[in-house]
Amino acid sequence: MAKDKAAEDAKKGEKPDHQKGGRRKKLVFISVPVLLVAGAGAYFGMGMLSSKPAKAAVQQPVNYDIGPITTNLSDGHIIQEQMTVVVAGDVTSAELKTDQPQITNMVIETLSGWSYNALLSPSGKGELRNQIETRLDALLKTIPGTKATVDELYFTNFIMQ
């Protein structure tokens, strides 16, 4: 019966079932790679010609030095300290520099509330560090258009008398 069908197809000029679509397969095997190459070229080419700026790389944290600051403690002793703050987010050193008066004022106000004895212990210095970090974080949130936070705060100079 299958031989009869093949003989009929041959009389009509049709190809047998196993040969049908050979042309289609060739077309698919040729057109798919061509379309892939063209698509990749268009994708990368449009990216190069795009007027949009490329996405900025993730910004590295900014190290910002505060001080030296010399002020009185609440009990009449004097403190001189200097800090380095590591700030993460979309803020630059130049932006922090413009807010230096507010940062310095905040540190002086914070230090003025502490006593000599409270700052002698490592835990006292740790509490002071946490307090300054919290207040500096709040201050950074007031800078328009930035989303900066304090990652770390290091005392680089700490002298009390």
C-alpha atoms as a PDB file:
ATOM      1  CA  MET A   1       0.000   0.000   0.000  1.00  0.00           C
ATOM      2  CA  ALA A   2       2.844   2.399   0.819  1.00  0.00           C
ATOM      3  CA  LYS A   3       4.451   1.453  -2.516  1.00  0.00           C
ATOM      4  CA  ASP A   4       1.218   2.312  -4.298  1.00  0.00           C
ATOM      5  CA  LYS A   5       1.126   5.768  -2.667  1.00  0.00           C
ATOM      6  CA  ALA A   6       4.747   6.415  -3.598  1.00  0.00           C
ATOM      7  CA  ALA A   7       4.007   5.388  -7.197  1.00  0.00           C
ATOM      8  CA  GLU A   8       0.991   7.713  -7.333  1.00  0.00           C
ATOM      9  CA  ASP A   9       3.056  10.621  -5.916  1.00  0.00           C
ATOM     10  CA  ALA A  10       5.750   9.970  -8.512  1.00  0.00           C
ATOM     11  CA  LYS A  11       3.139  10.142 -11.308  1.00  0.00           C
ATOM     12  CA  LYS A  12       1.812  13.462  -9.939  1.00  0.00           C
ATOM     13  CA  GLY A  13       5.341  14.877  -9.690  1.00  0.00           C
ATOM     14  CA  GLU A  14       5.317  15.014  -5.897  1.00  0.00           C
ATOM     15  CA  LYS A  15       8.251  13.921  -3.796  1.00  0.00           C
ATOM     16  CA  PRO A  16       7.947  11.038  -1.351  1.00  0.00           C
ATOM     17  CA  ASP A  17       7.202  11.900   2.334  1.00  0.00           C
ATOM     18  CA  HIS A  18      10.824  11.489   3.441  1.00  0.00           C
ATOM     19  CA  GLN A  19      11.995  14.019   0.826  1.00  0.00           C
ATOM     20  CA  LYS A  20       9.264  16.584   1.430  1.00  0.00           C
ATOM     21  CA  GLY A  21      10.427  19.566   3.460  1.00  0.00           C
ATOM     22  CA  GLY A  22      14.084  19.126   2.494  1.00  0.00           C
ATOM     23  CA  ARG A  23      14.011  22.581   1.049  1.00  0.00           C
ATOM     24  CA  ARG A  24      12.380  23.893   4.220  1.00  0.00           C
ATOM     25  CA  LYS A  25      15.045  22.304   6.402  1.00  0.00           C
ATOM     26  CA  LYS A  26      17.781  23.936   4.348  1.00  0.00           C
ATOM     27  CA  LEU A  27      15.986  27.245   4.625  1.00  0.00           C
ATOM     28  CA  VAL A  28      15.690  26.894   8.408  1.00  0.00           C
ATOM     29  CA  PHE A  29      19.316  25.831   8.829  1.00  0.00           C
ATOM     30  CA  ILE A  30      20.492  28.817   6.804  1.00  0.00           C
ATOM     31  CA  SER A  31      18.062  31.471   8.047  1.00  0.00           C
ATOM     32  CA  VAL A  32      18.328  30.801  11.811  1.00  0.00           C
ATOM     33  CA  PRO A  33      22.079  31.529  12.071  1.00  0.00           C
ATOM     34  CA  VAL A  34      21.701  34.543   9.771  1.00  0.00           C
ATOM     35  CA  LEU A  35      18.882  35.921  11.918  1.00  0.00           C
ATOM     36  CA  LEU A  36      20.877  35.309  15.099  1.00  0.00           C
ATOM     37  CA  VAL A  37      23.911  37.158  13.753  1.00  0.00           C
ATOM     38  CA  ALA A  38      21.747  40.009  12.468  1.00  0.00           C
ATOM     39  CA  GLY A  39      19.868  40.237  15.771  1.00  0.00           C
ATOM     40  CA  ALA A  40      23.065  40.268  17.815  1.00  0.00           C
ATOM     41  CA  GLY A  41      24.539  42.938  15.551  1.00  0.00           C
ATOM     42  CA  ALA A  42      21.434  45.067  15.875  1.00  0.00           C
ATOM     43  CA  TYR A  43      21.346  44.638  19.653  1.00  0.00           C
ATOM     44  CA  PHE A  44      24.962  45.618  20.188  1.00  0.00           C
ATOM     45  CA  GLY A  45      24.913  48.239  17.449  1.00  0.00           C
ATOM     46  CA  MET A  46      21.899  49.976  18.948  1.00  0.00           C
ATOM     47  CA  GLY A  47      23.580  49.927  22.331  1.00  0.00           C
ATOM     48  CA  MET A  48      26.591  51.716  20.894  1.00  0.00           C
ATOM     49  CA  LEU A  49      24.460  54.315  19.116  1.00  0.00           C
ATOM     50  CA  SER A  50      22.041  54.892  21.966  1.00  0.00           C
ATOM     51  CA  SER A  51      21.885  58.443  23.265  1.00  0.00           C
ATOM     52  CA  LYS A  52      21.334  57.211  26.811  1.00  0.00           C
ATOM     53  CA  PRO A  53      24.452  57.203  28.969  1.00  0.00           C
ATOM     54  CA  ALA A  54      25.627  53.781  30.017  1.00  0.00           C
ATOM     55  CA  LYS A  55      24.621  52.709  33.499  1.00  0.00           C
ATOM     56  CA  ALA A  56      27.105  53.967  36.010  1.00  0.00           C
ATOM     57  CA  ALA A  57      29.147  51.366  37.760  1.00  0.00           C
ATOM     58  CA  VAL A  58      28.407  50.748  41.384  1.00  0.00           C
ATOM     59  CA  GLN A  59      30.056  53.572  43.263  1.00  0.00           C
ATOM     60  CA  GLN A  60      32.803  52.754  45.662  1.00  0.00           C
ATOM     61  CA  PRO A  61      32.449  54.007  49.240  1.00  0.00           C
ATOM     62  CA  VAL A  62      33.916  57.452  49.875  1.00  0.00           C
ATOM     63  CA  ASN A  63      36.416  58.008  52.698  1.00  0.00           C
ATOM     64  CA  TYR A  64      35.902  61.438  54.197  1.00  0.00           C
ATOM     65  CA  ASP A  65      38.114  62.977  56.891  1.00  0.00           C
ATOM     66  CA  ILE A  66      36.505  65.073  59.612  1.00  0.00           C
ATOM     67  CA  GLY A  67      38.647  67.232  61.814  1.00  0.00           C
ATOM     68  CA  PRO A  68      40.785  67.816  63.635  1.00  0.00           C
ATOM     69  CA  ILE A  69      38.189  69.194  66.005  1.00  0.00           C
ATOM     70  CA  THR A  70      39.068  70.632  69.406  1.00  0.00           C
ATOM     71  CA  THR A  71      36.285  71.421  71.866  1.00  0.00           C
ATOM     72  CA  ASN A  72      35.312  71.315  75.538  1.00  0.00           C
ATOM     73  CA  LEU A  73      33.631  68.326  77.121  1.00  0.00           C
ATOM     74  CA  SER A  74      30.677  68.779  79.475  1.00  0.00           C
ATOM     75  CA  ASP A  75      32.926  68.645  82.591  1.00  0.00           C
ATOM     76  CA  GLY A  76      35.433  71.270  81.402  1.00  0.00           C
ATOM     77  CA  HIS A  77      38.070  68.912  79.941  1.00  0.00           C
ATOM     78  CA  ILE A  78      39.287  69.410  76.393  1.00  0.00           C
ATOM     79  CA  ILE A  79      39.111  66.890  73.582  1.00  0.00           C
ATOM     80  CA  GLN A  80      40.835  66.908  70.241  1.00  0.00           C
ATOM     81  CA  GLU A  81      39.699  64.296  67.781  1.00  0.00           C
ATOM     82  CA  GLN A  82      39.792  63.466  64.124  1.00  0.00           C
ATOM     83  CA  MET A  83      37.718  60.874  62.267  1.00  0.00           C
ATOM     84  CA  THR A  84      37.476  59.161  58.914  1.00  0.00           C
ATOM     85  CA  VAL A  85      33.982  58.278  57.777  1.00  0.00           C
ATOM     86  CA  VAL A  86      33.287  55.667  55.109  1.00  0.00           C
ATOM     87  CA  VAL A  87      30.154  56.771  53.249  1.00  0.00           C
ATOM     88  CA  ALA A  88      28.333  54.456  50.836  1.00  0.00           C
ATOM     89  CA  GLY A  89      25.858  55.569  48.215  1.00  0.00           C
ATOM     90  CA  ASP A  90      25.707  58.161  45.514  1.00  0.00           C
ATOM     91  CA  VAL A  91      27.658  60.919  47.213  1.00  0.00           C
ATOM     92  CA  THR A  92      31.057  62.386  46.400  1.00  0.00           C
ATOM     93  CA  SER A  93      33.770  63.925  48.538  1.00  0.00           C
ATOM     94  CA  ALA A  94      32.950  67.300  46.978  1.00  0.00           C
ATOM     95  CA  GLU A  95      29.335  67.062  48.150  1.00  0.00           C
ATOM     96  CA  LEU A  96      30.483  66.139  51.635  1.00  0.00           C
ATOM     97  CA  LYS A  97      32.954  69.031  51.594  1.00  0.00           C
ATOM     98  CA  THR A  98      30.126  71.504  50.954  1.00  0.00           C
ATOM     99  CA  ASP A  99      28.372  70.175  54.080  1.00  0.00           C
ATOM    100  CA  GLN A 100      31.521  70.308  56.215  1.00  0.00           C
ATOM    101  CA  PRO A 101      30.297  73.170  58.453  1.00  0.00           C
ATOM    102  CA  GLN A 102      27.134  71.233  59.361  1.00  0.00           C
ATOM    103  CA  ILE A 103      29.128  68.026  59.927  1.00  0.00           C
ATOM    104  CA  THR A 104      31.679  69.800  62.144  1.00  0.00           C
ATOM    105  CA  ASN A 105      28.910  71.518  64.117  1.00  0.00           C
ATOM    106  CA  MET A 106      27.127  68.211  64.680  1.00  0.00           C
ATOM    107  CA  VAL A 107      30.344  66.573  65.951  1.00  0.00           C
ATOM    108  CA  ILE A 108      31.088  69.475  68.327  1.00  0.00           C
ATOM    109  CA  GLU A 109      27.547  69.391  69.723  1.00  0.00           C
ATOM    110  CA  THR A 110      27.811  65.636  70.228  1.00  0.00           C
ATOM    111  CA  LEU A 111      31.219  65.812  71.916  1.00  0.00           C
ATOM    112  CA  SER A 112      30.069  68.631  74.200  1.00  0.00           C
ATOM    113  CA  GLY A 113      27.511  66.320  75.766  1.00  0.00           C
ATOM    114  CA  TRP A 114      30.140  63.825  76.915  1.00  0.00           C
ATOM    115  CA  SER A 115      32.365  63.855  79.982  1.00  0.00           C
ATOM    116  CA  TYR A 116      36.028  62.937  80.335  1.00  0.00           C
ATOM    117  CA  ASN A 117      35.288  59.865  82.500  1.00  0.00           C
ATOM    118  CA  ALA A 118      32.607  58.563  80.137  1.00  0.00           C
ATOM    119  CA  LEU A 119      35.051  58.630  77.201  1.00  0.00           C
ATOM    120  CA  LEU A 120      37.962  56.933  79.022  1.00  0.00           C
ATOM    121  CA  SER A 121      36.622  53.416  78.465  1.00  0.00           C
ATOM    122  CA  PRO A 122      36.507  51.648  75.098  1.00  0.00           C
ATOM    123  CA  SER A 123      32.749  51.173  75.512  1.00  0.00           C
ATOM    124  CA  GLY A 124      32.342  54.946  75.965  1.00  0.00           C
ATOM    125  CA  LYS A 125      34.223  55.582  72.731  1.00  0.00           C
ATOM    126  CA  GLY A 126      32.054  52.948  71.027  1.00  0.00           C
ATOM    127  CA  GLU A 127      28.881  54.664  72.233  1.00  0.00           C
ATOM    128  CA  LEU A 128      30.228  58.008  71.000  1.00  0.00           C
ATOM    129  CA  ARG A 129      31.036  56.431  67.615  1.00  0.00           C
ATOM    130  CA  ASN A 130      27.493  55.030  67.343  1.00  0.00           C
ATOM    131  CA  GLN A 131      25.963  58.367  68.311  1.00  0.00           C
ATOM    132  CA  ILE A 132      27.999  60.276  65.711  1.00  0.00           C
ATOM    133  CA  GLU A 133      27.212  57.652  63.019  1.00  0.00           C
ATOM    134  CA  THR A 134      23.469  57.949  63.728  1.00  0.00           C
ATOM    135  CA  ARG A 135      23.496  61.743  63.670  1.00  0.00           C
ATOM    136  CA  LEU A 136      25.683  61.830  60.539  1.00  0.00           C
ATOM    137  CA  ASP A 137      23.323  59.407  58.777  1.00  0.00           C
ATOM    138  CA  ALA A 138      20.442  61.766  59.554  1.00  0.00           C
ATOM    139  CA  LEU A 139      22.483  64.702  58.238  1.00  0.00           C
ATOM    140  CA  LEU A 140      23.350  62.859  54.999  1.00  0.00           C
ATOM    141  CA  LYS A 141      19.647  62.305  54.322  1.00  0.00           C
ATOM    142  CA  THR A 142      19.217  66.082  54.102  1.00  0.00           C
ATOM    143  CA  ILE A 143      21.572  66.317  51.091  1.00  0.00           C
ATOM    144  CA  PRO A 144      19.237  66.726  48.086  1.00  0.00           C
ATOM    145  CA  GLY A 145      19.309  63.935  45.511  1.00  0.00           C
ATOM    146  CA  THR A 146      21.585  61.561  47.391  1.00  0.00           C
ATOM    147  CA  LYS A 147      21.061  58.241  49.068  1.00  0.00           C
ATOM    148  CA  ALA A 148      24.170  58.049  51.198  1.00  0.00           C
ATOM    149  CA  THR A 149      24.699  56.182  54.445  1.00  0.00           C
ATOM    150  CA  VAL A 150      27.554  55.852  56.900  1.00  0.00           C
ATOM    151  CA  ASP A 151      29.239  52.449  56.608  1.00  0.00           C
ATOM    152  CA  GLU A 152      31.973  52.947  59.180  1.00  0.00           C
ATOM    153  CA  LEU A 153      33.424  55.650  61.377  1.00  0.00           C
ATOM    154  CA  TYR A 154      37.015  55.485  62.590  1.00  0.00           C
ATOM    155  CA  PHE A 155      38.687  57.709  65.161  1.00  0.00           C
ATOM    156  CA  THR A 156      42.091  58.580  63.698  1.00  0.00           C
ATOM    157  CA  ASN A 157      43.062  60.933  66.520  1.00  0.00           C
ATOM    158  CA  PHE A 158      41.560  61.051  70.015  1.00  0.00           C
ATOM    159  CA  ILE A 159      43.237  63.155  72.725  1.00  0.00           C
ATOM    160  CA  MET A 160      41.604  64.277  75.957  1.00  0.00           C
ATOM    161  CA  GLN A 161      43.114  66.562  78.577  1.00  0.00           C
END
